[in-house]
Amino acid sequence: MSNGKLAGNATITKNGTLIRTLPKVEVSLGGEKRTVHLDGAGNVTGYTVEYEAGSLKATTQLAAGEKLSDVAFEGATCVATLDTGQKILFRDAMTLVPPKWASGGGEIELEIGSGTGKPEEI
C-alpha cells in the first residue's frame, strides 16, 4: 500500500559513484513497440512489432576538476534510484551518444543503455 509519496526524481550511480544530475531523469525498461498500420481509407490493416532497448536519460554538468570524457563510458554498472526507493539496474552500461558540452548552462545530455540486455527492476 502506498503512503501517498509518488516518484518525482532519481539519482544515478556509475560503479557506485554518484553522477550529479539535474532534476529530470527518464528511465525506460524497453520492450515491444507496436505500430498500427492503416490503408488509404484509414482502416486498420494490422500492426508490426519491434523491440525497443531500455535506456536511462539524464542531464549533468561539469564541475571544476572534472573532464568531459568522465561521462563517456562502457562496461559500467549503473543504477537509477527513484526518490521512492525503486531501483533500476543497467548491467554492462554504456553511453549511447558522445557527451557534448555547450556554454550558456553547461548542460550535458546523457543517454545510457545496457550492453547485456534489458534493464532490471531490483
Protein backbone atom coordinates (compact mmCIF):
# COMPACT_ATOMS: atom_id res chain seq x y z
CA MET A 1 0.00 0.00 0.00
CA SER A 2 1.31 3.43 -0.92
CA ASN A 3 1.88 6.07 1.73
CA GLY A 4 0.94 8.72 -0.82
CA LYS A 5 4.51 9.56 -1.96
CA LEU A 6 4.95 9.38 -5.72
CA ALA A 7 8.25 9.08 -7.59
CA GLY A 8 9.37 12.51 -8.72
CA ASN A 9 13.14 12.36 -9.10
CA ALA A 10 16.03 9.91 -9.27
CA THR A 11 19.73 9.66 -8.58
CA ILE A 12 22.15 7.77 -10.83
CA THR A 13 25.30 5.95 -9.83
CA LYS A 14 28.05 4.58 -12.07
CA ASN A 15 30.08 1.81 -10.41
CA GLY A 16 28.85 3.11 -7.06
CA THR A 17 29.81 6.75 -7.66
CA LEU A 18 27.06 9.36 -7.86
CA ILE A 19 26.58 11.10 -11.21
CA ARG A 20 25.34 14.59 -10.47
CA THR A 21 22.17 15.20 -12.48
CA LEU A 22 19.63 17.94 -12.94
CA PRO A 23 16.10 17.13 -11.72
CA LYS A 24 14.69 15.46 -14.85
CA VAL A 25 15.71 11.80 -15.23
CA GLU A 26 14.00 9.45 -17.71
CA VAL A 27 14.07 5.65 -17.38
CA SER A 28 12.72 3.17 -19.93
CA LEU A 29 12.78 -0.57 -19.38
CA GLY A 30 12.40 -1.15 -23.11
CA GLY A 31 10.20 -3.82 -24.59
CA GLU A 32 7.89 -4.32 -27.53
CA LYS A 33 6.90 -1.26 -29.54
CA ARG A 34 3.79 -1.72 -31.67
CA THR A 35 2.90 0.30 -34.75
CA VAL A 36 -0.64 0.21 -36.18
CA HIS A 37 -0.85 0.39 -39.98
CA LEU A 38 -3.72 1.95 -41.93
CA ASP A 39 -4.82 1.72 -45.53
CA GLY A 40 -5.63 4.77 -47.69
CA ALA A 41 -9.17 4.94 -46.27
CA GLY A 42 -7.96 4.98 -42.65
CA ASN A 43 -8.87 1.37 -41.91
CA VAL A 44 -6.55 -0.65 -39.71
CA THR A 45 -4.77 -3.29 -41.79
CA GLY A 46 -2.64 -4.72 -39.00
CA TYR A 47 0.32 -3.92 -36.82
CA THR A 48 4.02 -4.65 -36.56
CA VAL A 49 6.16 -5.22 -33.51
CA GLU A 50 9.77 -4.24 -32.94
CA TYR A 51 11.92 -4.33 -29.83
CA GLU A 52 12.98 -1.06 -28.22
CA ALA A 53 16.00 -1.20 -25.92
CA GLY A 54 15.83 0.20 -22.41
CA SER A 55 17.57 3.48 -21.69
CA LEU A 56 18.40 5.97 -18.99
CA LYS A 57 18.42 9.67 -19.90
CA ALA A 58 19.60 12.50 -17.70
CA THR A 59 21.33 15.86 -17.82
CA THR A 60 24.54 16.58 -15.94
CA GLN A 61 27.06 19.44 -15.69
CA LEU A 62 30.83 19.52 -15.27
CA ALA A 63 32.37 20.77 -12.04
CA ALA A 64 35.90 22.06 -11.52
CA GLY A 65 38.40 19.24 -11.92
CA GLU A 66 36.09 17.01 -13.97
CA LYS A 67 36.62 16.06 -17.61
CA LEU A 68 34.05 15.68 -20.36
CA SER A 69 35.48 12.21 -21.01
CA ASP A 70 34.43 11.21 -17.44
CA VAL A 71 30.82 10.94 -18.64
CA ALA A 72 31.65 8.72 -21.64
CA PHE A 73 31.98 5.09 -20.58
CA GLU A 74 31.27 1.44 -21.28
CA GLY A 75 31.28 -1.70 -19.18
CA ALA A 76 29.93 0.06 -16.09
CA THR A 77 27.16 -0.81 -13.66
CA CYS A 78 24.60 1.99 -13.46
CA VAL A 79 21.70 2.19 -11.03
CA ALA A 80 18.85 4.69 -11.14
CA THR A 81 17.29 5.06 -7.68
CA LEU A 82 13.93 6.79 -7.59
CA ASP A 83 13.17 9.03 -4.62
CA THR A 84 10.57 6.47 -3.53
CA GLY A 85 13.14 3.66 -3.32
CA GLN A 86 12.67 1.72 -6.56
CA LYS A 87 15.94 0.81 -8.30
CA ILE A 88 16.62 0.05 -11.96
CA LEU A 89 19.89 -1.72 -12.76
CA PHE A 90 21.76 -1.32 -16.07
CA ARG A 91 24.46 -4.03 -16.34
CA ASP A 92 27.41 -3.55 -18.68
CA ALA A 93 26.14 0.01 -19.16
CA MET A 94 27.49 2.39 -21.76
CA THR A 95 26.83 5.89 -23.01
CA LEU A 96 24.93 5.65 -26.29
CA VAL A 97 25.87 9.07 -27.66
CA PRO A 98 29.11 11.05 -27.21
CA PRO A 99 28.82 13.71 -24.50
CA LYS A 100 28.65 17.33 -25.72
CA TRP A 101 29.14 20.44 -23.62
CA ALA A 102 27.96 23.93 -24.61
CA SER A 103 28.24 27.27 -22.86
CA GLY A 104 25.15 29.02 -21.58
CA GLY A 105 24.17 26.46 -18.98
CA GLY A 106 26.87 23.90 -19.43
CA GLU A 107 24.40 21.03 -19.67
CA ILE A 108 25.49 17.62 -20.93
CA GLU A 109 22.81 15.19 -22.10
CA LEU A 110 23.47 11.60 -21.06
CA GLU A 111 21.87 8.60 -22.71
CA ILE A 112 22.83 5.28 -21.15
CA GLY A 113 21.97 1.77 -22.31
CA SER A 114 22.66 -1.77 -21.14
CA GLY A 115 25.02 -3.89 -23.23
CA THR A 116 23.75 -7.19 -21.85
CA GLY A 117 20.00 -6.92 -22.22
CA LYS A 118 17.01 -5.38 -20.59
CA PRO A 119 17.44 -3.20 -17.50
CA GLU A 120 16.23 -4.88 -14.32
CA GLU A 121 13.99 -3.58 -11.56
CA ILE A 122 15.70 -4.66 -8.34
